[in-house]
Amino acid sequence: MIPGRVVENHVGERVKRELAIMEDLLKKVQTAFQSALGIDPQTITLDTSPEDVPAWDSMGHVTLASGLEREFGLSFDVDDLMEMENVREICRVVQSKLGKVQVEQLQ
């Protein structure tokens, strides 16, 4: 095998792993939305924001955060809650808390 191909294959495998982690993370976030706010999980994407979900008001945000803490076994501080302005940011905060690899597509 050509050395450049080994690196290319390794990078490709890493990207596949990171995408699989992100898909699993998003599924759990969708589950938290369903449990906390009664939202169809399939309607929640990385681009979903509070403007898209009527129940995601200030009290809904607290309820959602509690559901996320239960779903992932985490605890969020006030700064974390303030950063969770949309689903993409929720995933980023959760991923950071879990110590998972950073996925550039989230930024």
Protein backbone atom coordinates (compact mmCIF):
# COMPACT_ATOMS: atom_id res chain seq x y z
CA MET A 1 0.00 0.00 0.00
CA ILE A 2 1.20 3.52 -0.75
CA PRO A 3 2.06 5.53 2.43
CA GLY A 4 -0.24 8.40 1.43
CA ARG A 5 -3.10 5.95 1.11
CA VAL A 6 -2.52 4.68 4.65
CA VAL A 7 -2.89 8.22 6.01
CA GLU A 8 -5.90 8.85 3.76
CA ASN A 9 -7.59 5.65 4.96
CA HIS A 10 -6.82 6.48 8.59
CA VAL A 11 -8.31 9.97 8.22
CA GLY A 12 -11.35 8.54 6.44
CA GLU A 13 -11.93 6.07 9.25
CA ARG A 14 -11.59 8.83 11.87
CA VAL A 15 -14.16 10.97 10.07
CA LYS A 16 -16.54 8.00 9.86
CA ARG A 17 -16.13 7.38 13.62
CA GLU A 18 -16.73 11.06 14.41
CA LEU A 19 -19.85 11.14 12.24
CA ALA A 20 -21.15 7.98 13.93
CA ILE A 21 -20.57 9.60 17.34
CA MET A 22 -22.40 12.73 16.19
CA GLU A 23 -25.36 10.72 14.87
CA ASP A 24 -25.62 8.87 18.19
CA LEU A 25 -25.35 12.14 20.08
CA LEU A 26 -28.08 13.76 17.98
CA LYS A 27 -30.38 10.76 18.52
CA LYS A 28 -30.00 11.12 22.28
CA VAL A 29 -30.62 14.87 22.06
CA GLN A 30 -33.75 14.14 20.01
CA THR A 31 -34.88 11.70 22.70
CA ALA A 32 -34.37 14.39 25.36
CA PHE A 33 -36.52 16.80 23.31
CA GLN A 34 -39.24 14.17 23.07
CA SER A 35 -39.16 13.40 26.79
CA ALA A 36 -38.89 17.01 27.97
CA LEU A 37 -41.06 18.86 25.48
CA GLY A 38 -43.19 16.20 23.78
CA ILE A 39 -41.58 16.97 20.41
CA ASP A 40 -41.43 14.44 17.55
CA PRO A 41 -37.72 13.56 17.61
CA GLN A 42 -37.52 13.39 13.82
CA THR A 43 -38.30 17.12 13.63
CA ILE A 44 -35.18 17.99 15.63
CA THR A 45 -32.05 18.61 13.54
CA LEU A 46 -28.73 20.32 14.17
CA ASP A 47 -30.29 23.49 12.77
CA THR A 48 -33.28 23.51 15.15
CA SER A 49 -33.52 26.59 17.37
CA PRO A 50 -36.04 27.82 19.96
CA GLU A 51 -37.84 29.77 17.24
CA ASP A 52 -38.71 26.43 15.61
CA VAL A 53 -40.14 24.83 18.77
CA PRO A 54 -42.92 26.76 20.56
CA ALA A 55 -42.44 24.76 23.78
CA TRP A 56 -38.73 25.72 23.90
CA ASP A 57 -39.23 28.88 25.95
CA SER A 58 -37.35 29.74 29.14
CA MET A 59 -39.12 27.07 31.21
CA GLY A 60 -38.84 24.61 28.34
CA HIS A 61 -35.11 25.27 28.24
CA VAL A 62 -34.77 24.34 31.91
CA THR A 63 -36.89 21.22 31.38
CA LEU A 64 -34.83 20.28 28.32
CA ALA A 65 -31.57 20.81 30.21
CA SER A 66 -32.81 18.52 32.97
CA GLY A 67 -33.73 15.90 30.37
CA LEU A 68 -30.31 16.20 28.75
CA GLU A 69 -28.64 15.78 32.14
CA ARG A 70 -30.62 12.57 32.69
CA GLU A 71 -30.06 11.30 29.13
CA PHE A 72 -26.29 11.79 29.24
CA GLY A 73 -25.57 11.53 32.96
CA LEU A 74 -24.17 15.07 33.01
CA SER A 75 -24.57 18.23 35.02
CA PHE A 76 -24.68 21.64 33.34
CA ASP A 77 -23.64 24.93 34.86
CA VAL A 78 -25.17 28.32 34.03
CA ASP A 79 -22.57 29.01 31.33
CA ASP A 80 -23.41 25.71 29.63
CA LEU A 81 -27.11 26.57 29.67
CA MET A 82 -26.45 30.00 28.18
CA GLU A 83 -24.42 28.46 25.34
CA MET A 84 -27.22 26.04 24.40
CA GLU A 85 -28.87 28.45 21.96
CA ASN A 86 -29.72 25.77 19.38
CA VAL A 87 -29.37 22.03 18.84
CA ARG A 88 -25.93 22.39 17.24
CA GLU A 89 -24.67 24.18 20.36
CA ILE A 90 -26.39 21.66 22.63
CA CYS A 91 -24.49 18.88 20.85
CA ARG A 92 -21.23 20.81 21.11
CA VAL A 93 -21.67 21.42 24.85
CA VAL A 94 -22.69 17.81 25.51
CA GLN A 95 -19.83 16.47 23.42
CA SER A 96 -17.37 18.69 25.26
CA LYS A 97 -18.76 17.54 28.60
CA LEU A 98 -18.49 13.92 27.55
CA GLY A 99 -14.89 14.45 26.46
CA LYS A 100 -15.67 13.15 22.97
CA VAL A 101 -13.61 14.04 19.94
CA GLN A 102 -14.32 17.43 18.44
CA VAL A 103 -16.27 17.30 15.19
CA GLU A 104 -15.54 20.26 12.97
CA GLN A 105 -18.94 20.06 11.26
CA LEU A 106 -20.59 21.38 14.43
CA GLN A 107 -18.75 24.68 14.26
